[in-house]
């Protein structure tokens, strides 16, 4: 896979990220691989927070909804940047570098 396809596949699903990491152009798409990894980690954390906050009726629902919307917005921003072949960091979590 070339750089653009690898970048886009990384955002499709967590399994897509794994496929992009293992079979794609890692060096060319390293920026988007890192950004997509952060989105997927935030998505998992959102599920955990949603589960924990489910015990608090109204506040838990609001917190869970805010996390879910944030993940969706970050995912869309990253996917659009990958489609345009731009290296725009995702707000808040984009500065975290896991892949060197």
PDB file of N, CA and C in Angstrom:
ATOM      1  N   UNK A   1       0.849  -1.190   0.000  1.00  0.00           N
ATOM      2  CA  UNK A   1       0.000   0.000   0.000  1.00  0.00           C
ATOM      3  C   UNK A   1       0.887   1.242   0.000  1.00  0.00           C
ATOM      4  N   UNK A   2       0.452   2.243  -0.709  1.00  0.00           N
ATOM      5  CA  UNK A   2       1.210   3.482  -0.712  1.00  0.00           C
ATOM      6  C   UNK A   2       0.845   4.329   0.510  1.00  0.00           C
ATOM      7  N   UNK A   3       1.452   5.486   0.597  1.00  0.00           N
ATOM      8  CA  UNK A   3       1.294   6.350   1.772  1.00  0.00           C
ATOM      9  C   UNK A   3      -0.161   6.753   2.007  1.00  0.00           C
ATOM     10  N   UNK A   4      -0.863   7.175   0.969  1.00  0.00           N
ATOM     11  CA  UNK A   4      -2.234   7.657   1.119  1.00  0.00           C
ATOM     12  C   UNK A   4      -3.176   6.534   1.554  1.00  0.00           C
ATOM     13  N   UNK A   5      -3.076   5.390   0.910  1.00  0.00           N
ATOM     14  CA  UNK A   5      -3.949   4.267   1.254  1.00  0.00           C
ATOM     15  C   UNK A   5      -3.662   3.797   2.677  1.00  0.00           C
ATOM     16  N   UNK A   6      -2.392   3.716   3.035  1.00  0.00           N
ATOM     17  CA  UNK A   6      -2.026   3.311   4.388  1.00  0.00           C
ATOM     18  C   UNK A   6      -2.607   4.270   5.412  1.00  0.00           C
ATOM     19  N   UNK A   7      -2.520   5.573   5.131  1.00  0.00           N
ATOM     20  CA  UNK A   7      -3.057   6.580   6.052  1.00  0.00           C
ATOM     21  C   UNK A   7      -4.563   6.442   6.227  1.00  0.00           C
ATOM     22  N   UNK A   8      -5.270   6.218   5.150  1.00  0.00           N
ATOM     23  CA  UNK A   8      -6.728   6.115   5.213  1.00  0.00           C
ATOM     24  C   UNK A   8      -7.148   4.827   5.915  1.00  0.00           C
ATOM     25  N   UNK A   9      -6.522   3.715   5.578  1.00  0.00           N
ATOM     26  CA  UNK A   9      -6.879   2.427   6.178  1.00  0.00           C
ATOM     27  C   UNK A   9      -6.653   2.453   7.688  1.00  0.00           C
ATOM     28  N   UNK A  10      -5.651   3.188   8.149  1.00  0.00           N
ATOM     29  CA  UNK A  10      -5.358   3.266   9.583  1.00  0.00           C
ATOM     30  C   UNK A  10      -6.534   3.831  10.372  1.00  0.00           C
ATOM     31  N   UNK A  11      -7.336   4.682   9.752  1.00  0.00           N
ATOM     32  CA  UNK A  11      -8.476   5.296  10.445  1.00  0.00           C
ATOM     33  C   UNK A  11      -9.756   4.477  10.346  1.00  0.00           C
ATOM     34  N   UNK A  12      -9.807   3.478   9.460  1.00  0.00           N
ATOM     35  CA  UNK A  12     -11.047   2.757   9.210  1.00  0.00           C
ATOM     36  C   UNK A  12     -11.541   2.005  10.441  1.00  0.00           C
ATOM     37  N   UNK A  13     -10.684   1.261  11.088  1.00  0.00           N
ATOM     38  CA  UNK A  13     -11.052   0.501  12.294  1.00  0.00           C
ATOM     39  C   UNK A  13      -9.758   0.098  12.979  1.00  0.00           C
ATOM     40  N   UNK A  14      -9.827  -0.331  14.218  1.00  0.00           N
ATOM     41  CA  UNK A  14      -8.592  -0.781  14.869  1.00  0.00           C
ATOM     42  C   UNK A  14      -7.884  -1.898  14.097  1.00  0.00           C
ATOM     43  N   UNK A  15      -8.636  -2.804  13.490  1.00  0.00           N
ATOM     44  CA  UNK A  15      -8.008  -3.849  12.677  1.00  0.00           C
ATOM     45  C   UNK A  15      -7.404  -3.236  11.414  1.00  0.00           C
ATOM     46  N   UNK A  16      -8.009  -2.185  10.911  1.00  0.00           N
ATOM     47  CA  UNK A  16      -7.448  -1.467   9.767  1.00  0.00           C
ATOM     48  C   UNK A  16      -6.123  -0.828  10.115  1.00  0.00           C
ATOM     49  N   UNK A  17      -6.039  -0.298  11.343  1.00  0.00           N
ATOM     50  CA  UNK A  17      -4.778   0.286  11.795  1.00  0.00           C
ATOM     51  C   UNK A  17      -3.699  -0.782  11.830  1.00  0.00           C
ATOM     52  N   UNK A  18      -4.045  -1.959  12.333  1.00  0.00           N
ATOM     53  CA  UNK A  18      -3.081  -3.050  12.420  1.00  0.00           C
ATOM     54  C   UNK A  18      -2.625  -3.488  11.028  1.00  0.00           C
ATOM     55  N   UNK A  19      -3.549  -3.584  10.094  1.00  0.00           N
ATOM     56  CA  UNK A  19      -3.202  -3.951   8.718  1.00  0.00           C
ATOM     57  C   UNK A  19      -2.305  -2.884   8.103  1.00  0.00           C
ATOM     58  N   UNK A  20      -2.650  -1.609   8.308  1.00  0.00           N
ATOM     59  CA  UNK A  20      -1.838  -0.520   7.764  1.00  0.00           C
ATOM     60  C   UNK A  20      -0.438  -0.536   8.371  1.00  0.00           C
ATOM     61  N   UNK A  21      -0.353  -0.843   9.651  1.00  0.00           N
ATOM     62  CA  UNK A  21       0.938  -0.866  10.329  1.00  0.00           C
ATOM     63  C   UNK A  21       1.807  -2.020   9.819  1.00  0.00           C
ATOM     64  N   UNK A  22       1.194  -3.169   9.609  1.00  0.00           N
ATOM     65  CA  UNK A  22       1.959  -4.344   9.212  1.00  0.00           C
ATOM     66  C   UNK A  22       2.236  -4.412   7.711  1.00  0.00           C
ATOM     67  N   UNK A  23       1.291  -3.963   6.879  1.00  0.00           N
ATOM     68  CA  UNK A  23       1.429  -4.160   5.437  1.00  0.00           C
ATOM     69  C   UNK A  23       1.613  -2.871   4.651  1.00  0.00           C
ATOM     70  N   UNK A  24       1.496  -1.729   5.298  1.00  0.00           N
ATOM     71  CA  UNK A  24       1.538  -0.475   4.570  1.00  0.00           C
ATOM     72  C   UNK A  24       2.898   0.188   4.574  1.00  0.00           C
ATOM     73  N   UNK A  25       2.929   1.364   4.015  1.00  0.00           N
ATOM     74  CA  UNK A  25       4.131   2.195   3.964  1.00  0.00           C
ATOM     75  C   UNK A  25       4.289   2.885   5.312  1.00  0.00           C
ATOM     76  N   UNK A  26       4.973   2.224   6.250  1.00  0.00           N
ATOM     77  CA  UNK A  26       5.080   2.752   7.622  1.00  0.00           C
ATOM     78  C   UNK A  26       5.831   4.075   7.667  1.00  0.00           C
ATOM     79  N   UNK A  27       6.893   4.184   6.928  1.00  0.00           N
ATOM     80  CA  UNK A  27       7.690   5.410   6.986  1.00  0.00           C
ATOM     81  C   UNK A  27       6.931   6.592   6.402  1.00  0.00           C
ATOM     82  N   UNK A  28       6.247   6.400   5.287  1.00  0.00           N
ATOM     83  CA  UNK A  28       5.523   7.491   4.647  1.00  0.00           C
ATOM     84  C   UNK A  28       4.281   7.909   5.409  1.00  0.00           C
ATOM     85  N   UNK A  29       3.644   6.948   6.073  1.00  0.00           N
ATOM     86  CA  UNK A  29       2.374   7.223   6.749  1.00  0.00           C
ATOM     87  C   UNK A  29       2.517   7.232   8.264  1.00  0.00           C
ATOM     88  N   UNK A  30       3.729   7.361   8.761  1.00  0.00           N
ATOM     89  CA  UNK A  30       3.963   7.291  10.203  1.00  0.00           C
ATOM     90  C   UNK A  30       3.145   8.329  10.968  1.00  0.00           C
ATOM     91  N   UNK A  31       3.007   9.529  10.424  1.00  0.00           N
ATOM     92  CA  UNK A  31       2.236  10.579  11.090  1.00  0.00           C
ATOM     93  C   UNK A  31       0.793  10.125  11.299  1.00  0.00           C
ATOM     94  N   UNK A  32       0.155   9.632  10.242  1.00  0.00           N
ATOM     95  CA  UNK A  32      -1.253   9.232  10.353  1.00  0.00           C
ATOM     96  C   UNK A  32      -1.425   7.933  11.132  1.00  0.00           C
ATOM     97  N   UNK A  33      -0.438   7.058  11.077  1.00  0.00           N
ATOM     98  CA  UNK A  33      -0.498   5.860  11.913  1.00  0.00           C
ATOM     99  C   UNK A  33      -0.525   6.261  13.389  1.00  0.00           C
ATOM    100  N   UNK A  34       0.290   7.237  13.745  1.00  0.00           N
ATOM    101  CA  UNK A  34       0.319   7.707  15.136  1.00  0.00           C
ATOM    102  C   UNK A  34      -0.991   8.400  15.512  1.00  0.00           C
ATOM    103  N   UNK A  35      -1.494   9.250  14.625  1.00  0.00           N
ATOM    104  CA  UNK A  35      -2.737   9.963  14.910  1.00  0.00           C
ATOM    105  C   UNK A  35      -3.909   8.990  15.052  1.00  0.00           C
ATOM    106  N   UNK A  36      -3.985   8.014  14.147  1.00  0.00           N
ATOM    107  CA  UNK A  36      -5.068   7.029  14.203  1.00  0.00           C
ATOM    108  C   UNK A  36      -4.954   6.173  15.466  1.00  0.00           C
ATOM    109  N   UNK A  37      -3.731   5.831  15.853  1.00  0.00           N
ATOM    110  CA  UNK A  37      -3.537   5.065  17.080  1.00  0.00           C
ATOM    111  C   UNK A  37      -4.058   5.839  18.285  1.00  0.00           C
ATOM    112  N   UNK A  38      -3.816   7.125  18.322  1.00  0.00           N
ATOM    113  CA  UNK A  38      -4.310   7.951  19.423  1.00  0.00           C
ATOM    114  C   UNK A  38      -5.842   8.003  19.419  1.00  0.00           C
ATOM    115  N   UNK A  39      -6.446   8.070  18.249  1.00  0.00           N
ATOM    116  CA  UNK A  39      -7.913   8.068  18.170  1.00  0.00           C
ATOM    117  C   UNK A  39      -8.463   6.747  18.697  1.00  0.00           C
ATOM    118  N   UNK A  40      -7.845   5.627  18.322  1.00  0.00           N
ATOM    119  CA  UNK A  40      -8.341   4.327  18.770  1.00  0.00           C
ATOM    120  C   UNK A  40      -8.121   4.126  20.268  1.00  0.00           C
ATOM    121  N   UNK A  41      -7.013   4.632  20.787  1.00  0.00           N
ATOM    122  CA  UNK A  41      -6.792   4.553  22.240  1.00  0.00           C
ATOM    123  C   UNK A  41      -7.832   5.396  22.968  1.00  0.00           C
ATOM    124  N   UNK A  42      -8.104   6.603  22.461  1.00  0.00           N
ATOM    125  CA  UNK A  42      -9.134   7.448  23.069  1.00  0.00           C
ATOM    126  C   UNK A  42     -10.505   6.788  22.979  1.00  0.00           C
ATOM    127  N   UNK A  43     -10.762   6.086  21.897  1.00  0.00           N
ATOM    128  CA  UNK A  43     -12.032   5.381  21.741  1.00  0.00           C
ATOM    129  C   UNK A  43     -12.193   4.300  22.810  1.00  0.00           C
ATOM    130  N   UNK A  44     -11.128   3.567  23.072  1.00  0.00           N
ATOM    131  CA  UNK A  44     -11.171   2.542  24.120  1.00  0.00           C
ATOM    132  C   UNK A  44     -11.372   3.189  25.480  1.00  0.00           C
ATOM    133  N   UNK A  45     -10.635   4.267  25.740  1.00  0.00           N
ATOM    134  CA  UNK A  45     -10.798   4.978  27.012  1.00  0.00           C
ATOM    135  C   UNK A  45     -12.209   5.538  27.161  1.00  0.00           C
ATOM    136  N   UNK A  46     -12.784   5.983  26.048  1.00  0.00           N
ATOM    137  CA  UNK A  46     -14.157   6.494  26.075  1.00  0.00           C
ATOM    138  C   UNK A  46     -15.125   5.395  26.504  1.00  0.00           C
ATOM    139  N   UNK A  47     -14.920   4.194  26.010  1.00  0.00           N
ATOM    140  CA  UNK A  47     -15.772   3.077  26.406  1.00  0.00           C
ATOM    141  C   UNK A  47     -15.620   2.742  27.875  1.00  0.00           C
ATOM    142  N   UNK A  48     -14.388   2.786  28.362  1.00  0.00           N
ATOM    143  CA  UNK A  48     -14.140   2.509  29.778  1.00  0.00           C
ATOM    144  C   UNK A  48     -14.785   3.580  30.652  1.00  0.00           C
ATOM    145  N   UNK A  49     -14.575   4.842  30.281  1.00  0.00           N
ATOM    146  CA  UNK A  49     -15.169   5.942  31.049  1.00  0.00           C
ATOM    147  C   UNK A  49     -16.688   5.858  31.002  1.00  0.00           C
ATOM    148  N   UNK A  50     -17.240   5.524  29.848  1.00  0.00           N
ATOM    149  CA  UNK A  50     -18.687   5.381  29.727  1.00  0.00           C
ATOM    150  C   UNK A  50     -19.240   4.286  30.613  1.00  0.00           C
ATOM    151  N   UNK A  51     -18.499   3.189  30.709  1.00  0.00           N
ATOM    152  CA  UNK A  51     -18.926   2.083  31.562  1.00  0.00           C
ATOM    153  C   UNK A  51     -18.857   2.463  33.034  1.00  0.00           C
ATOM    154  N   UNK A  52     -17.773   3.110  33.419  1.00  0.00           N
ATOM    155  CA  UNK A  52     -17.601   3.521  34.817  1.00  0.00           C
ATOM    156  C   UNK A  52     -18.620   4.587  35.198  1.00  0.00           C
ATOM    157  N   UNK A  53     -18.859   5.527  34.297  1.00  0.00           N
ATOM    158  CA  UNK A  53     -19.782   6.621  34.598  1.00  0.00           C
ATOM    159  C   UNK A  53     -21.245   6.208  34.485  1.00  0.00           C
ATOM    160  N   UNK A  54     -21.507   5.020  34.003  1.00  0.00           N
ATOM    161  CA  UNK A  54     -22.891   4.564  33.879  1.00  0.00           C
ATOM    162  C   UNK A  54     -23.568   4.414  35.239  1.00  0.00           C
ATOM    163  N   UNK A  55     -22.769   4.339  36.289  1.00  0.00           N
ATOM    164  CA  UNK A  55     -23.330   4.207  37.633  1.00  0.00           C
ATOM    165  C   UNK A  55     -23.877   5.524  38.169  1.00  0.00           C
ATOM    166  N   UNK A  56     -23.483   6.641  37.538  1.00  0.00           N
ATOM    167  CA  UNK A  56     -24.000   7.954  37.927  1.00  0.00           C
ATOM    168  C   UNK A  56     -24.992   8.360  36.838  1.00  0.00           C
ATOM    169  N   UNK A  57     -26.283   8.345  37.131  1.00  0.00           N
ATOM    170  CA  UNK A  57     -27.310   8.443  36.094  1.00  0.00           C
ATOM    171  C   UNK A  57     -27.164   9.582  35.079  1.00  0.00           C
ATOM    172  N   UNK A  58     -27.278  10.802  35.456  1.00  0.00           N
ATOM    173  CA  UNK A  58     -27.298  11.900  34.481  1.00  0.00           C
ATOM    174  C   UNK A  58     -25.899  12.357  34.124  1.00  0.00           C
ATOM    175  N   UNK A  59     -25.062  12.574  35.111  1.00  0.00           N
ATOM    176  CA  UNK A  59     -23.699  13.051  34.870  1.00  0.00           C
ATOM    177  C   UNK A  59     -22.918  12.028  34.057  1.00  0.00           C
ATOM    178  N   UNK A  60     -23.076  10.756  34.376  1.00  0.00           N
ATOM    179  CA  UNK A  60     -22.387   9.698  33.637  1.00  0.00           C
ATOM    180  C   UNK A  60     -22.773   9.674  32.173  1.00  0.00           C
ATOM    181  N   UNK A  61     -24.037   9.872  31.889  1.00  0.00           N
ATOM    182  CA  UNK A  61     -24.501   9.898  30.501  1.00  0.00           C
ATOM    183  C   UNK A  61     -23.918  11.085  29.742  1.00  0.00           C
ATOM    184  N   UNK A  62     -23.861  12.225  30.392  1.00  0.00           N
ATOM    185  CA  UNK A  62     -23.309  13.428  29.751  1.00  0.00           C
ATOM    186  C   UNK A  62     -21.822  13.241  29.469  1.00  0.00           C
ATOM    187  N   UNK A  63     -21.075  12.737  30.448  1.00  0.00           N
ATOM    188  CA  UNK A  63     -19.636  12.522  30.259  1.00  0.00           C
ATOM    189  C   UNK A  63     -19.387  11.513  29.145  1.00  0.00           C
ATOM    190  N   UNK A  64     -20.138  10.443  29.132  1.00  0.00           N
ATOM    191  CA  UNK A  64     -19.996   9.422  28.105  1.00  0.00           C
ATOM    192  C   UNK A  64     -20.304   9.995  26.717  1.00  0.00           C
ATOM    193  N   UNK A  65     -21.339  10.804  26.620  1.00  0.00           N
ATOM    194  CA  UNK A  65     -21.722  11.406  25.354  1.00  0.00           C
ATOM    195  C   UNK A  65     -20.651  12.380  24.860  1.00  0.00           C
ATOM    196  N   UNK A  66     -20.086  13.176  25.768  1.00  0.00           N
ATOM    197  CA  UNK A  66     -19.039  14.128  25.388  1.00  0.00           C
ATOM    198  C   UNK A  66     -17.807  13.384  24.864  1.00  0.00           C
ATOM    199  N   UNK A  67     -17.402  12.324  25.566  1.00  0.00           N
ATOM    200  CA  UNK A  67     -16.262  11.530  25.097  1.00  0.00           C
ATOM    201  C   UNK A  67     -16.547  10.913  23.735  1.00  0.00           C
ATOM    202  N   UNK A  68     -17.733  10.387  23.549  1.00  0.00           N
ATOM    203  CA  UNK A  68     -18.095   9.771  22.273  1.00  0.00           C
ATOM    204  C   UNK A  68     -18.091  10.762  21.123  1.00  0.00           C
ATOM    205  N   UNK A  69     -18.614  11.938  21.358  1.00  0.00           N
ATOM    206  CA  UNK A  69     -18.618  12.978  20.325  1.00  0.00           C
ATOM    207  C   UNK A  69     -17.196  13.423  20.015  1.00  0.00           C
ATOM    208  N   UNK A  70     -16.354  13.566  21.047  1.00  0.00           N
ATOM    209  CA  UNK A  70     -14.960  13.959  20.840  1.00  0.00           C
ATOM    210  C   UNK A  70     -14.226  12.929  19.981  1.00  0.00           C
ATOM    211  N   UNK A  71     -14.436  11.656  20.266  1.00  0.00           N
ATOM    212  CA  UNK A  71     -13.795  10.604  19.469  1.00  0.00           C
ATOM    213  C   UNK A  71     -14.266  10.687  18.019  1.00  0.00           C
ATOM    214  N   UNK A  72     -15.554  10.865  17.810  1.00  0.00           N
ATOM    215  CA  UNK A  72     -16.092  10.971  16.453  1.00  0.00           C
ATOM    216  C   UNK A  72     -15.495  12.163  15.708  1.00  0.00           C
ATOM    217  N   UNK A  73     -15.432  13.310  16.357  1.00  0.00           N
ATOM    218  CA  UNK A  73     -14.882  14.511  15.720  1.00  0.00           C
ATOM    219  C   UNK A  73     -13.398  14.323  15.399  1.00  0.00           C
ATOM    220  N   UNK A  74     -12.631  13.767  16.341  1.00  0.00           N
ATOM    221  CA  UNK A  74     -11.203  13.533  16.105  1.00  0.00           C
ATOM    222  C   UNK A  74     -10.994  12.538  14.973  1.00  0.00           C
ATOM    223  N   UNK A  75     -11.841  11.506  14.925  1.00  0.00           N
ATOM    224  CA  UNK A  75     -11.742  10.509  13.861  1.00  0.00           C
ATOM    225  C   UNK A  75     -12.002  11.151  12.494  1.00  0.00           C
ATOM    226  N   UNK A  76     -13.040  11.968  12.408  1.00  0.00           N
ATOM    227  CA  UNK A  76     -13.372  12.637  11.137  1.00  0.00           C
ATOM    228  C   UNK A  76     -12.248  13.572  10.712  1.00  0.00           C
ATOM    229  N   UNK A  77     -11.716  14.367  11.664  1.00  0.00           N
ATOM    230  CA  UNK A  77     -10.622  15.284  11.335  1.00  0.00           C
ATOM    231  C   UNK A  77      -9.402  14.529  10.814  1.00  0.00           C
ATOM    232  N   UNK A  78      -9.067  13.430  11.457  1.00  0.00           N
ATOM    233  CA  UNK A  78      -7.922  12.642  11.022  1.00  0.00           C
ATOM    234  C   UNK A  78      -8.138  12.001   9.670  1.00  0.00           C
ATOM    235  N   UNK A  79      -9.320  11.446   9.445  1.00  0.00           N
ATOM    236  CA  UNK A  79      -9.623  10.798   8.175  1.00  0.00           C
ATOM    237  C   UNK A  79      -9.616  11.802   7.026  1.00  0.00           C
ATOM    238  N   UNK A  80     -10.184  12.967   7.237  1.00  0.00           N
ATOM    239  CA  UNK A  80     -10.191  13.996   6.194  1.00  0.00           C
ATOM    240  C   UNK A  80      -8.762  14.442   5.874  1.00  0.00           C
ATOM    241  N   UNK A  81      -7.939  14.627   6.912  1.00  0.00           N
ATOM    242  CA  UNK A  81      -6.540  15.012   6.687  1.00  0.00           C
ATOM    243  C   UNK A  81      -5.791  13.918   5.929  1.00  0.00           C
ATOM    244  N   UNK A  82      -6.069  12.665   6.242  1.00  0.00           N
ATOM    245  CA  UNK A  82      -5.415  11.550   5.529  1.00  0.00           C
ATOM    246  C   UNK A  82      -5.843  11.520   4.068  1.00  0.00           C
ATOM    247  N   UNK A  83      -7.119  11.774   3.799  1.00  0.00           N
ATOM    248  CA  UNK A  83      -7.604  11.791   2.421  1.00  0.00           C
ATOM    249  C   UNK A  83      -6.973  12.918   1.612  1.00  0.00           C
ATOM    250  N   UNK A  84      -6.733  14.036   2.259  1.00  0.00           N
ATOM    251  CA  UNK A  84      -6.117  15.192   1.595  1.00  0.00           C
ATOM    252  C   UNK A  84      -4.593  15.121   1.607  1.00  0.00           C
ATOM    253  N   UNK A  85      -4.034  14.104   2.236  1.00  0.00           N
ATOM    254  CA  UNK A  85      -2.598  13.918   2.395  1.00  0.00           C
ATOM    255  C   UNK A  85      -1.950  15.093   3.125  1.00  0.00           C
ATOM    256  N   UNK A  86      -2.647  15.606   4.126  1.00  0.00           N
ATOM    257  CA  UNK A  86      -2.129  16.684   4.959  1.00  0.00           C
ATOM    258  C   UNK A  86      -1.694  16.109   6.298  1.00  0.00           C
ATOM    259  N   UNK A  87      -0.738  16.735   6.925  1.00  0.00           N
ATOM    260  CA  UNK A  87      -0.278  16.292   8.240  1.00  0.00           C
ATOM    261  C   UNK A  87      -0.734  17.291   9.297  1.00  0.00           C
ATOM    262  N   UNK A  88      -2.043  17.365   9.509  1.00  0.00           N
ATOM    263  CA  UNK A  88      -2.628  18.222  10.533  1.00  0.00           C
ATOM    264  C   UNK A  88      -2.821  17.411  11.802  1.00  0.00           C
ATOM    265  N   UNK A  89      -2.312  17.937  12.918  1.00  0.00           N
ATOM    266  CA  UNK A  89      -2.496  17.235  14.181  1.00  0.00           C
ATOM    267  C   UNK A  89      -3.936  17.340  14.651  1.00  0.00           C
ATOM    268  N   UNK A  90      -4.406  16.268  15.236  1.00  0.00           N
ATOM    269  CA  UNK A  90      -5.734  16.245  15.833  1.00  0.00           C
ATOM    270  C   UNK A  90      -5.672  17.083  17.110  1.00  0.00           C
ATOM    271  N   UNK A  91      -6.676  17.918  17.366  1.00  0.00           N
ATOM    272  CA  UNK A  91      -6.638  18.741  18.586  1.00  0.00           C
ATOM    273  C   UNK A  91      -6.525  17.888  19.849  1.00  0.00           C
ATOM    274  N   UNK A  92      -5.874  18.406  20.836  1.00  0.00           N
ATOM    275  CA  UNK A  92      -5.707  17.834  22.177  1.00  0.00           C
ATOM    276  C   UNK A  92      -4.794  16.605  22.178  1.00  0.00           C
ATOM    277  N   UNK A  93      -5.131  15.568  21.429  1.00  0.00           N
ATOM    278  CA  UNK A  93      -4.363  14.323  21.492  1.00  0.00           C
ATOM    279  C   UNK A  93      -3.320  14.203  20.387  1.00  0.00           C
ATOM    280  N   UNK A  94      -3.328  15.091  19.422  1.00  0.00           N
ATOM    281  CA  UNK A  94      -2.433  14.984  18.265  1.00  0.00           C
ATOM    282  C   UNK A  94      -0.960  15.163  18.587  1.00  0.00           C
ATOM    283  N   UNK A  95      -0.648  15.843  19.655  1.00  0.00           N
ATOM    284  CA  UNK A  95       0.742  16.075  20.013  1.00  0.00           C
ATOM    285  C   UNK A  95       1.423  14.905  20.679  1.00  0.00           C
ATOM    286  N   UNK A  96       0.655  13.902  21.055  1.00  0.00           N
ATOM    287  CA  UNK A  96       1.228  12.730  21.725  1.00  0.00           C
ATOM    288  C   UNK A  96       1.817  11.803  20.665  1.00  0.00           C
ATOM    289  N   UNK A  97       3.084  11.485  20.797  1.00  0.00           N
ATOM    290  CA  UNK A  97       3.767  10.625  19.829  1.00  0.00           C
ATOM    291  C   UNK A  97       4.075   9.284  20.468  1.00  0.00           C
ATOM    292  N   UNK A  98       3.446   8.230  19.970  1.00  0.00           N
ATOM    293  CA  UNK A  98       3.719   6.880  20.445  1.00  0.00           C
ATOM    294  C   UNK A  98       4.682   6.196  19.487  1.00  0.00           C
ATOM    295  N   UNK A  99       4.460   6.375  18.189  1.00  0.00           N
ATOM    296  CA  UNK A  99       5.353   5.796  17.181  1.00  0.00           C
ATOM    297  C   UNK A  99       6.469   6.782  16.868  1.00  0.00           C
ATOM    298  N   UNK A 100       7.664   6.337  16.979  1.00  0.00           N
ATOM    299  CA  UNK A 100       8.811   7.214  16.698  1.00  0.00           C
ATOM    300  C   UNK A 100       9.338   6.971  15.311  1.00  0.00           C
TER     301      UNK A 100
END
